[in-house]
Amino acid sequence: MTLPSWYPIILVGIAAWRTFQLLAYDDILNRPRRWLLRLDPQWEEDGDPVGDQYRLKWALFITCPYCAGFWISLGWFIALQVDLYWTAIVAVPFVLNAFVIAGSKLLAKEEDKTAHQDEQEWREELVKALREVARSQRK
């Protein structure tokens, strides 16, 4: 086992953060997260019933940067020990995506932020409408 130089450590650290964000919060993984946590299909927002089968401890683990973040980081570090070159190659897209996210949050003009908030509200309304259509079709 060797201690890599600072560059691969920073690269893998940013990739680990992005992996955590992807698994814990990104919308694209909502369905697998809901399945894993056994979240009630009727659940839409805080306050709704989560169901009898809901796995609260798993939900807390997945969204905890101290818990899941440690294991994700450990996985990246082990990969770094196994093969430095290919781990760095795999980490680069995660790092580039993290830079895009950071740039979007830090450098966006005020009117762009407002447009993004409007888009988010529109998206939430669309999701609610689609859920209503799905409910009416189930009945």
Protein backbone atom coordinates (compact mmCIF):
# COMPACT_ATOMS: atom_id res chain seq x y z
CA MET A 1 0.00 0.00 0.00
CA THR A 2 1.29 3.42 -0.94
CA LEU A 3 0.18 6.91 -0.14
CA PRO A 4 -0.58 8.68 -3.43
CA SER A 5 0.53 12.24 -4.05
CA TRP A 6 -1.82 15.15 -3.38
CA TYR A 7 -3.22 15.29 -6.94
CA PRO A 8 -4.90 11.83 -7.00
CA ILE A 9 -6.12 12.34 -3.45
CA ILE A 10 -7.85 15.62 -4.36
CA LEU A 11 -9.20 14.09 -7.58
CA VAL A 12 -10.65 11.10 -5.75
CA GLY A 13 -11.91 13.30 -2.90
CA ILE A 14 -13.97 15.42 -5.28
CA ALA A 15 -15.16 12.29 -7.09
CA ALA A 16 -16.23 10.79 -3.74
CA TRP A 17 -18.21 13.95 -2.90
CA ARG A 18 -19.93 13.83 -6.29
CA THR A 19 -20.70 10.13 -5.89
CA PHE A 20 -22.25 10.83 -2.48
CA GLN A 21 -24.39 13.64 -3.91
CA LEU A 22 -25.49 11.37 -6.76
CA LEU A 23 -26.50 8.52 -4.48
CA ALA A 24 -28.07 10.62 -1.72
CA TYR A 25 -29.84 13.47 -3.50
CA ASP A 26 -29.87 13.48 -7.31
CA ASP A 27 -33.30 13.05 -8.91
CA ILE A 28 -32.07 10.51 -11.43
CA LEU A 29 -31.74 7.91 -8.65
CA ASN A 30 -35.09 8.63 -6.96
CA ARG A 31 -36.70 5.39 -8.14
CA PRO A 32 -33.88 3.08 -6.98
CA ARG A 33 -33.68 4.99 -3.67
CA ARG A 34 -37.44 4.68 -3.13
CA TRP A 35 -37.24 0.96 -3.88
CA LEU A 36 -34.26 0.43 -1.56
CA LEU A 37 -35.93 2.35 1.26
CA ARG A 38 -39.34 0.73 0.59
CA LEU A 39 -40.95 4.14 0.53
CA ASP A 40 -44.72 4.07 0.10
CA PRO A 41 -45.69 4.78 -3.54
CA GLN A 42 -48.18 7.42 -2.34
CA TRP A 43 -45.43 9.43 -0.60
CA GLU A 44 -44.77 12.80 -2.26
CA GLU A 45 -43.43 15.23 0.35
CA ASP A 46 -42.53 15.56 4.01
CA GLY A 47 -45.50 14.79 6.22
CA ASP A 48 -46.98 12.12 3.95
CA PRO A 49 -47.05 8.57 5.35
CA VAL A 50 -43.89 6.66 4.46
CA GLY A 51 -45.40 3.20 4.87
CA ASP A 52 -44.91 0.35 7.31
CA GLN A 53 -41.97 -1.13 5.41
CA TYR A 54 -39.97 2.14 5.32
CA ARG A 55 -36.30 1.66 6.19
CA LEU A 56 -35.55 4.77 8.25
CA LYS A 57 -32.03 3.72 9.27
CA TRP A 58 -31.05 3.14 5.63
CA ALA A 59 -32.48 6.54 4.70
CA LEU A 60 -30.44 8.18 7.44
CA PHE A 61 -27.33 6.27 6.35
CA ILE A 62 -27.67 7.13 2.65
CA THR A 63 -28.09 10.85 3.29
CA CYS A 64 -25.39 11.14 5.97
CA PRO A 65 -22.06 12.48 4.64
CA TYR A 66 -20.33 11.09 7.73
CA CYS A 67 -21.76 7.58 7.22
CA ALA A 68 -22.22 6.91 3.52
CA GLY A 69 -19.56 9.51 2.71
CA PHE A 70 -16.97 7.53 4.64
CA TRP A 71 -17.74 4.26 2.84
CA ILE A 72 -17.86 5.92 -0.56
CA SER A 73 -14.52 7.59 0.13
CA LEU A 74 -13.06 4.31 1.33
CA GLY A 75 -14.21 2.64 -1.90
CA TRP A 76 -12.52 5.32 -3.99
CA PHE A 77 -9.34 5.04 -1.90
CA ILE A 78 -9.23 1.25 -2.30
CA ALA A 79 -9.71 1.67 -6.05
CA LEU A 80 -6.83 4.15 -5.99
CA GLN A 81 -4.64 1.56 -4.28
CA VAL A 82 -5.60 -1.15 -6.77
CA ASP A 83 -4.98 0.88 -9.92
CA LEU A 84 -4.04 4.55 -9.71
CA TYR A 85 -4.27 5.21 -13.46
CA TRP A 86 -7.73 3.74 -14.14
CA THR A 87 -9.19 5.11 -10.93
CA ALA A 88 -8.07 8.58 -11.97
CA ILE A 89 -9.59 8.03 -15.44
CA VAL A 90 -12.93 7.00 -13.89
CA ALA A 91 -12.83 9.88 -11.36
CA VAL A 92 -12.34 12.64 -13.95
CA PRO A 93 -15.99 12.74 -15.21
CA PHE A 94 -17.22 12.95 -11.62
CA VAL A 95 -14.81 15.80 -10.92
CA LEU A 96 -15.74 17.67 -14.08
CA ASN A 97 -19.41 17.33 -13.17
CA ALA A 98 -18.66 18.67 -9.68
CA PHE A 99 -16.94 21.69 -11.27
CA VAL A 100 -19.99 22.34 -13.45
CA ILE A 101 -22.25 22.20 -10.38
CA ALA A 102 -19.95 24.51 -8.39
CA GLY A 103 -19.66 26.91 -11.30
CA SER A 104 -23.41 26.97 -11.74
CA LYS A 105 -23.98 27.77 -8.08
CA LEU A 106 -21.16 30.28 -7.68
CA LEU A 107 -21.01 32.08 -11.00
CA ALA A 108 -24.62 32.25 -12.15
CA LYS A 109 -26.03 35.73 -12.59
CA GLU A 110 -28.91 36.75 -10.37
CA GLU A 111 -31.43 36.58 -13.25
CA ASP A 112 -30.20 33.08 -14.11
CA LYS A 113 -30.81 31.99 -10.52
CA THR A 114 -34.35 33.39 -10.71
CA ALA A 115 -34.95 31.58 -13.99
CA HIS A 116 -33.65 28.37 -12.42
CA GLN A 117 -36.03 28.79 -9.46
CA ASP A 118 -38.93 29.35 -11.86
CA GLU A 119 -37.90 26.24 -13.78
CA GLN A 120 -37.76 24.25 -10.54
CA GLU A 121 -41.26 25.42 -9.57
CA TRP A 122 -42.57 24.56 -13.03
CA ARG A 123 -40.96 21.14 -12.80
CA GLU A 124 -42.54 20.48 -9.39
CA GLU A 125 -45.95 21.46 -10.75
CA LEU A 126 -45.46 19.13 -13.72
CA VAL A 127 -44.50 16.24 -11.42
CA LYS A 128 -47.61 16.85 -9.27
CA ALA A 129 -49.82 16.89 -12.36
CA LEU A 130 -48.29 13.65 -13.65
CA ARG A 131 -48.82 12.00 -10.26
CA GLU A 132 -52.47 13.06 -10.26
CA VAL A 133 -52.91 11.55 -13.73
CA ALA A 134 -51.25 8.32 -12.56
CA ARG A 135 -53.51 8.18 -9.48
CA SER A 136 -56.64 8.72 -11.53
CA GLN A 137 -55.62 5.92 -13.91
CA ARG A 138 -55.07 3.50 -10.98
CA LYS A 139 -58.60 4.04 -9.66
